[in-house]
């Protein structure tokens, strides 16, 4: 009996040692995406190296479903070395190399993907193909391949919940302090509306004008533009099923306005069709954004052109020049570095890229 107990204790200890050893194994893991994405939506995931034994080269062959996902870009996040992206047929090979071992743990790359419009709903794995003679993780001593555990990350693709029978949403409008701008209201998924009454609330702005759009006729604005909330009514004998611009609101931003989102609240008071039936209409939360700089307007002259490219290049080369640091962060990641230089150069060359967040 004692011998049996002793053998069991030894087995338990061995299992504990094996578990600790396994836990200490170096690992390269693709982080799972916390929130689901819709077809056509872009997202990113990080590649994290843990318990790093000292790495001088990573040659990684990404493995994911090319019928559902598209790799758009790779950002290197390591302090030493260089990332490169080389596309070989349908396989995306990531190469990172350094002249000496890098032993830090943490994020080594950020992978930017887009879920294809044709992607079916479901969970998709993002991982690495098994290492071989030329793919894997290597050190700088003898270029020996290192044994790592490779962890897969997952992203869930889901179609967004359908909108209610009809919805009203605002445009994406950005203004500077002191500017007057037009803010469009859009009507979508219109099932047929004869009467619609809205109340518009706004803070920190001045309503200067309210004009009808093409979606509904029979427009009757409130009595005074100074009323807050401001009433808007559309009244007709028959239905309109048009979608598009419902109204255009002209706002003036105060000279003293600070950067931020100025919320507009829209209450749907009544909505009926020609059969006297209630129509379900929802208002999507909306805001007018005040930003006292323009992404890419590095020299703050109110324009984005080659002068901004020159000024940013000088700044990145440590010249003693003045730049608007907020405007110089053209990719909106909170830092001003070479990635911003690339993005601004692409924008000036008429690439299809976005400046700012």
Protein backbone atom coordinates (compact mmCIF):
# COMPACT_ATOMS: atom_id res chain seq x y z
CA UNK A 1 0.00 0.00 0.00
CA UNK A 2 2.79 2.42 0.96
CA UNK A 3 4.62 1.62 -2.26
CA UNK A 4 1.48 2.34 -4.28
CA UNK A 5 1.07 5.70 -2.56
CA UNK A 6 4.74 6.51 -3.15
CA UNK A 7 4.45 5.70 -6.85
CA UNK A 8 1.36 7.89 -7.13
CA UNK A 9 3.17 10.77 -5.45
CA UNK A 10 6.12 10.38 -7.82
CA UNK A 11 3.75 10.37 -10.80
CA UNK A 12 2.03 13.51 -9.57
CA UNK A 13 5.37 15.25 -9.08
CA UNK A 14 6.54 14.23 -12.56
CA UNK A 15 3.32 15.53 -14.09
CA UNK A 16 3.81 18.80 -12.22
CA UNK A 17 7.37 19.13 -13.49
CA UNK A 18 6.25 18.33 -17.03
CA UNK A 19 3.47 20.94 -16.80
CA UNK A 20 5.92 23.59 -15.57
CA UNK A 21 8.36 22.72 -18.36
CA UNK A 22 5.59 22.94 -20.92
CA UNK A 23 4.48 26.26 -19.50
CA UNK A 24 8.01 27.60 -19.84
CA UNK A 25 8.26 26.74 -23.55
CA UNK A 26 8.78 29.81 -25.77
CA UNK A 27 5.62 30.70 -27.65
CA UNK A 28 4.60 32.80 -30.64
CA UNK A 29 0.89 33.50 -30.47
CA UNK A 30 -1.59 35.30 -32.70
CA UNK A 31 -4.02 37.14 -30.43
CA UNK A 32 -7.70 36.48 -30.95
CA UNK A 33 -9.89 39.43 -31.97
CA UNK A 34 -12.16 40.25 -29.04
CA UNK A 35 -15.12 41.57 -31.02
CA UNK A 36 -16.75 40.12 -34.10
CA UNK A 37 -16.34 41.89 -37.42
CA UNK A 38 -18.77 42.33 -40.29
CA UNK A 39 -18.03 41.38 -43.91
CA UNK A 40 -16.09 44.27 -45.45
CA UNK A 41 -14.82 45.49 -42.08
CA UNK A 42 -11.11 45.92 -41.29
CA UNK A 43 -9.46 44.76 -38.07
CA UNK A 44 -6.02 43.98 -36.67
CA UNK A 45 -4.46 41.35 -34.45
CA UNK A 46 -1.07 41.23 -32.71
CA UNK A 47 1.61 38.52 -32.85
CA UNK A 48 3.07 38.12 -29.35
CA UNK A 49 6.35 36.44 -28.43
CA UNK A 50 6.61 35.14 -24.86
CA UNK A 51 9.47 33.51 -22.93
CA UNK A 52 11.82 34.66 -25.68
CA UNK A 53 15.02 32.55 -25.73
CA UNK A 54 16.85 35.11 -27.91
CA UNK A 55 15.76 35.52 -31.51
CA UNK A 56 17.60 36.97 -34.52
CA UNK A 57 15.27 35.96 -37.34
CA UNK A 58 11.64 35.05 -37.81
CA UNK A 59 10.50 33.53 -41.07
CA UNK A 60 6.79 32.99 -40.70
CA UNK A 61 4.29 31.71 -43.20
CA UNK A 62 0.84 32.97 -42.23
CA UNK A 63 -1.98 30.51 -42.52
CA UNK A 64 -5.58 31.76 -42.80
CA UNK A 65 -8.62 31.37 -45.01
CA UNK A 66 -7.95 33.48 -48.12
CA UNK A 67 -11.58 33.11 -49.20
CA UNK A 68 -12.71 35.01 -46.10
CA UNK A 69 -9.81 37.24 -45.04
CA UNK A 70 -7.32 39.54 -46.79
CA UNK A 71 -4.00 40.63 -45.26
CA UNK A 72 -3.59 44.36 -45.93
CA UNK A 73 -0.46 45.37 -44.03
CA UNK A 74 2.05 44.34 -41.39
CA UNK A 75 3.45 46.74 -38.80
CA UNK A 76 6.70 45.78 -37.07
CA UNK A 77 6.64 46.65 -33.39
CA UNK A 78 10.03 45.28 -32.26
CA UNK A 79 12.71 47.76 -31.16
CA UNK A 80 15.51 46.26 -33.22
CA UNK A 81 15.44 44.72 -36.66
CA UNK A 82 13.32 45.13 -39.76
CA UNK A 83 10.00 43.70 -40.90
CA UNK A 84 9.28 42.96 -44.51
CA UNK A 85 6.28 41.43 -46.22
CA UNK A 86 6.74 39.23 -49.25
CA UNK A 87 3.82 37.65 -51.02
CA UNK A 88 4.57 34.23 -52.51
CA UNK A 89 1.65 33.02 -54.65
CA UNK A 90 -1.24 32.90 -52.17
CA UNK A 91 0.97 32.62 -49.06
CA UNK A 92 2.00 35.62 -46.99
CA UNK A 93 5.55 35.20 -45.72
CA UNK A 94 6.70 37.51 -42.94
CA UNK A 95 10.42 38.03 -42.50
CA UNK A 96 12.00 39.74 -39.49
CA UNK A 97 15.76 39.87 -39.01
CA UNK A 98 18.31 41.47 -36.71
CA UNK A 99 22.12 41.49 -36.55
CA UNK A 100 22.00 40.10 -32.99
CA UNK A 101 19.56 38.28 -30.76
CA UNK A 102 16.60 40.22 -29.41
CA UNK A 103 15.50 38.76 -26.09
CA UNK A 104 12.55 40.97 -25.16
CA UNK A 105 9.03 39.59 -24.87
CA UNK A 106 5.99 41.32 -26.27
CA UNK A 107 4.31 42.23 -29.54
CA UNK A 108 6.50 41.61 -32.56
CA UNK A 109 4.02 42.45 -35.30
CA UNK A 110 0.54 43.83 -35.90
CA UNK A 111 -1.38 42.20 -38.75
CA UNK A 112 -4.02 44.31 -40.49
CA UNK A 113 -6.80 42.29 -42.16
CA UNK A 114 -10.09 42.91 -43.90
CA UNK A 115 -12.97 40.45 -43.78
CA UNK A 116 -14.03 40.05 -47.40
CA UNK A 117 -17.51 41.13 -48.43
CA UNK A 118 -18.11 37.54 -49.54
CA UNK A 119 -16.99 36.04 -46.21
CA UNK A 120 -19.47 33.61 -44.70
CA UNK A 121 -20.38 33.95 -41.05
CA UNK A 122 -18.18 31.87 -38.77
CA UNK A 123 -14.92 31.70 -36.83
CA UNK A 124 -11.64 31.86 -38.75
CA UNK A 125 -8.20 30.88 -37.46
CA UNK A 126 -5.08 32.96 -38.06
CA UNK A 127 -1.89 31.03 -37.37
CA UNK A 128 1.43 29.94 -38.87
CA UNK A 129 2.28 26.98 -41.04
CA UNK A 130 4.59 24.38 -39.52
CA UNK A 131 8.28 25.37 -39.60
CA UNK A 132 10.61 23.61 -42.01
CA UNK A 133 14.18 24.06 -43.27
CA UNK A 134 13.65 27.71 -44.14
CA UNK A 135 10.59 28.73 -42.14
CA UNK A 136 10.70 29.18 -38.39
CA UNK A 137 12.49 31.05 -35.63
CA UNK A 138 16.29 31.23 -35.54
CA UNK A 139 19.04 32.55 -33.28
CA UNK A 140 22.25 34.41 -34.22
CA UNK A 141 24.72 31.90 -32.78
CA UNK A 142 24.56 29.17 -35.36
CA UNK A 143 21.35 30.08 -37.19
CA UNK A 144 19.77 27.17 -35.41
CA UNK A 145 16.03 26.78 -35.52
CA UNK A 146 14.38 27.31 -32.14
CA UNK A 147 11.54 25.23 -30.82
CA UNK A 148 8.49 27.36 -30.17
CA UNK A 149 4.84 26.71 -29.50
CA UNK A 150 2.72 28.40 -32.17
CA UNK A 151 -0.67 29.64 -30.97
CA UNK A 152 -3.56 30.41 -33.28
CA UNK A 153 -5.78 33.46 -32.98
CA UNK A 154 -9.40 33.59 -34.07
CA UNK A 155 -11.73 36.17 -35.55
CA UNK A 156 -15.48 35.80 -35.79
CA UNK A 157 -17.25 37.18 -38.86
CA UNK A 158 -20.89 38.07 -38.31
CA UNK A 159 -23.38 40.01 -40.36
CA UNK A 160 -24.56 43.10 -38.47
CA UNK A 161 -28.02 43.06 -36.99
CA UNK A 162 -30.54 44.41 -39.49
CA UNK A 163 -31.64 48.00 -39.06
CA UNK A 164 -35.23 48.70 -37.96
CA UNK A 165 -37.84 49.39 -40.62
CA UNK A 166 -36.36 52.85 -41.17
CA UNK A 167 -33.43 54.73 -39.67
CA UNK A 168 -32.13 58.28 -39.61
CA UNK A 169 -28.42 58.90 -39.27
CA UNK A 170 -26.04 61.82 -39.60
CA UNK A 171 -23.09 62.45 -41.84
CA UNK A 172 -19.46 62.41 -40.71
CA UNK A 173 -18.71 66.12 -40.47
CA UNK A 174 -15.60 67.74 -38.99
CA UNK A 175 -15.20 71.47 -38.43
CA UNK A 176 -12.80 73.92 -36.83
CA UNK A 177 -13.69 76.48 -34.20
CA UNK A 178 -15.42 79.48 -35.84
CA UNK A 179 -16.47 77.57 -38.97
CA UNK A 180 -19.99 77.15 -40.37
CA UNK A 181 -20.66 73.70 -41.81
CA UNK A 182 -23.56 71.70 -43.24
CA UNK A 183 -24.58 68.53 -41.42
CA UNK A 184 -26.76 66.13 -43.46
CA UNK A 185 -29.45 63.90 -42.00
CA UNK A 186 -30.03 60.72 -44.00
CA UNK A 187 -33.10 58.47 -44.20
CA UNK A 188 -32.49 54.77 -44.89
CA UNK A 189 -34.70 51.70 -45.39
CA UNK A 190 -37.79 53.83 -45.86
CA UNK A 191 -40.86 51.51 -46.01
CA UNK A 192 -43.19 54.36 -46.93
CA UNK A 193 -43.72 57.47 -44.80
CA UNK A 194 -46.43 60.13 -45.10
CA UNK A 195 -45.92 62.00 -41.82
CA UNK A 196 -42.74 62.39 -39.76
CA UNK A 197 -42.06 64.62 -36.77
CA UNK A 198 -38.58 64.99 -35.22
CA UNK A 199 -37.09 67.01 -32.38
CA UNK A 200 -33.43 67.94 -32.72
CA UNK A 201 -31.32 68.75 -29.67
CA UNK A 202 -27.82 70.18 -29.85
CA UNK A 203 -25.32 71.68 -27.44
CA UNK A 204 -22.36 74.00 -27.88
CA UNK A 205 -23.37 74.89 -31.45
CA UNK A 206 -25.59 77.46 -33.17
CA UNK A 207 -28.23 76.28 -35.66
CA UNK A 208 -28.14 78.71 -38.58
CA UNK A 209 -30.35 76.99 -41.16
CA UNK A 210 -32.50 73.92 -41.81
CA UNK A 211 -33.20 72.88 -45.42
CA UNK A 212 -35.23 70.01 -46.80
CA UNK A 213 -33.61 67.13 -48.63
CA UNK A 214 -34.91 64.94 -51.43
CA UNK A 215 -36.14 61.96 -49.39
CA UNK A 216 -39.45 63.48 -48.17
CA UNK A 217 -41.51 66.45 -49.33
CA UNK A 218 -43.91 68.58 -47.32
CA UNK A 219 -41.21 70.00 -45.05
CA UNK A 220 -42.18 72.37 -42.25
CA UNK A 221 -39.34 73.57 -39.97
CA UNK A 222 -39.86 74.89 -36.48
CA UNK A 223 -40.86 78.49 -35.87
CA UNK A 224 -37.47 79.71 -34.63
CA UNK A 225 -33.95 78.43 -35.28
CA UNK A 226 -33.03 79.46 -31.74
CA UNK A 227 -35.39 76.85 -30.28
CA UNK A 228 -33.53 73.95 -28.74
CA UNK A 229 -34.83 71.33 -29.25
CA UNK A 230 -35.79 72.32 -32.79
CA UNK A 231 -38.82 70.72 -34.45
CA UNK A 232 -38.87 69.34 -38.01
CA UNK A 233 -42.05 68.04 -39.67
CA UNK A 234 -42.84 66.37 -43.02
CA UNK A 235 -46.54 66.12 -43.82
CA UNK A 236 -48.01 64.55 -46.99
CA UNK A 237 -51.22 62.85 -48.13
CA UNK A 238 -49.38 59.86 -49.56
CA UNK A 239 -46.29 57.82 -48.86
CA UNK A 240 -42.77 58.53 -50.01
CA UNK A 241 -40.40 55.57 -50.21
CA UNK A 242 -37.31 57.54 -51.16
CA UNK A 243 -34.05 57.19 -49.24
CA UNK A 244 -31.23 59.70 -49.05
CA UNK A 245 -30.83 63.18 -47.63
CA UNK A 246 -33.74 63.98 -45.34
CA UNK A 247 -32.54 67.46 -44.31
CA UNK A 248 -29.41 69.57 -44.18
CA UNK A 249 -28.65 71.42 -40.95
CA UNK A 250 -26.23 74.32 -40.98
CA UNK A 251 -24.30 74.82 -37.74
CA UNK A 252 -21.85 77.49 -36.64
CA UNK A 253 -19.09 76.36 -34.29
CA UNK A 254 -18.12 78.94 -31.62
CA UNK A 255 -14.67 80.51 -31.86
CA UNK A 256 -13.88 79.13 -28.42
CA UNK A 257 -14.97 75.55 -29.16
CA UNK A 258 -12.57 72.86 -27.96
CA UNK A 259 -11.75 69.65 -29.81
CA UNK A 260 -14.29 66.88 -29.38
CA UNK A 261 -17.57 65.37 -30.51
CA UNK A 262 -20.65 67.58 -30.09
CA UNK A 263 -23.61 65.23 -29.76
CA UNK A 264 -26.82 65.82 -31.69
CA UNK A 265 -29.90 64.15 -30.23
CA UNK A 266 -32.79 63.28 -32.49
CA UNK A 267 -36.14 62.21 -31.05
CA UNK A 268 -38.59 60.52 -33.40
CA UNK A 269 -41.90 61.91 -32.08
CA UNK A 270 -44.31 60.49 -34.68
CA UNK A 271 -44.13 58.58 -37.95
CA UNK A 272 -47.14 57.30 -39.96
CA UNK A 273 -47.89 56.00 -43.43
CA UNK A 274 -50.86 56.88 -45.65
CA UNK A 275 -52.87 54.01 -44.13
CA UNK A 276 -52.65 55.72 -40.72
CA UNK A 277 -50.31 53.00 -39.50
CA UNK A 278 -47.37 53.76 -37.22
CA UNK A 279 -43.98 53.42 -38.92
CA UNK A 280 -41.02 52.20 -36.90
CA UNK A 281 -38.21 54.75 -37.29
CA UNK A 282 -35.05 54.89 -35.18
CA UNK A 283 -32.42 57.61 -34.89
CA UNK A 284 -28.79 56.51 -34.83
CA UNK A 285 -26.58 58.45 -32.36
CA UNK A 286 -24.71 61.22 -34.17
CA UNK A 287 -22.24 64.01 -33.50
CA UNK A 288 -20.43 66.88 -35.18
CA UNK A 289 -16.69 66.63 -34.60
CA UNK A 290 -14.69 69.76 -33.79
CA UNK A 291 -10.99 69.38 -34.53
CA UNK A 292 -8.79 72.44 -34.61
CA UNK A 293 -6.30 70.82 -36.90
CA UNK A 294 -6.35 68.83 -40.14
CA UNK A 295 -4.59 65.48 -40.32
CA UNK A 296 -1.71 65.96 -42.76
CA UNK A 297 -1.62 69.77 -42.49
CA UNK A 298 1.76 69.55 -40.78
CA UNK A 299 2.67 73.23 -41.30
CA UNK A 300 -0.84 74.49 -40.33
CA UNK A 301 -1.46 76.55 -43.46
CA UNK A 302 -4.94 75.08 -43.92
CA UNK A 303 -3.93 72.85 -46.87
CA UNK A 304 -2.44 69.40 -47.37
CA UNK A 305 0.20 69.46 -50.09
CA UNK A 306 3.85 68.84 -50.84
CA UNK A 307 4.96 71.47 -48.32
CA UNK A 308 3.57 69.27 -45.58
CA UNK A 309 5.46 66.27 -46.96
CA UNK A 310 8.70 68.26 -46.90
CA UNK A 311 8.10 69.57 -43.38
CA UNK A 312 7.31 66.10 -42.01
CA UNK A 313 10.38 64.60 -43.69
CA UNK A 314 12.53 67.32 -42.13
CA UNK A 315 11.05 66.68 -38.70
CA UNK A 316 11.66 62.93 -39.00
CA UNK A 317 15.27 63.71 -39.97
CA UNK A 318 15.62 65.71 -36.71
CA UNK A 319 15.67 69.14 -38.34
CA UNK A 320 14.84 72.08 -36.10
CA UNK A 321 11.43 72.78 -37.63
CA UNK A 322 7.98 73.46 -36.22
CA UNK A 323 5.21 70.94 -36.87
CA UNK A 324 1.69 70.49 -35.60
CA UNK A 325 2.16 67.19 -33.77
CA UNK A 326 -1.55 66.35 -33.87
CA UNK A 327 -1.72 66.94 -37.62
CA UNK A 328 1.57 65.08 -38.18
CA UNK A 329 0.12 61.88 -36.68
CA UNK A 330 -1.46 61.19 -40.05
CA UNK A 331 -2.25 57.52 -39.39
CA UNK A 332 -3.87 58.33 -36.04
CA UNK A 333 -1.93 55.84 -33.92
CA UNK A 334 -0.84 58.41 -31.32
CA UNK A 335 2.79 58.62 -32.51
CA UNK A 336 4.71 60.59 -35.12
CA UNK A 337 7.20 58.36 -36.90
CA UNK A 338 8.14 56.90 -40.26
CA UNK A 339 4.72 55.29 -40.68
CA UNK A 340 3.23 58.78 -40.84
CA UNK A 341 5.78 59.77 -43.48
CA UNK A 342 4.76 56.78 -45.59
CA UNK A 343 1.02 57.45 -45.17
CA UNK A 344 1.35 61.14 -46.09
CA UNK A 345 3.51 60.32 -49.13
CA UNK A 346 0.88 57.79 -50.29
CA UNK A 347 -1.90 60.36 -49.81
CA UNK A 348 0.00 63.00 -51.79
CA UNK A 349 0.53 60.40 -54.54
CA UNK A 350 -3.27 59.89 -54.72
CA UNK A 351 -3.26 56.44 -53.14
CA UNK A 352 -6.56 55.28 -51.68
CA UNK A 353 -5.58 55.84 -48.04
CA UNK A 354 -7.20 57.64 -45.14
CA UNK A 355 -5.60 60.33 -43.01
CA UNK A 356 -6.31 60.24 -39.29
CA UNK A 357 -8.49 57.90 -37.29
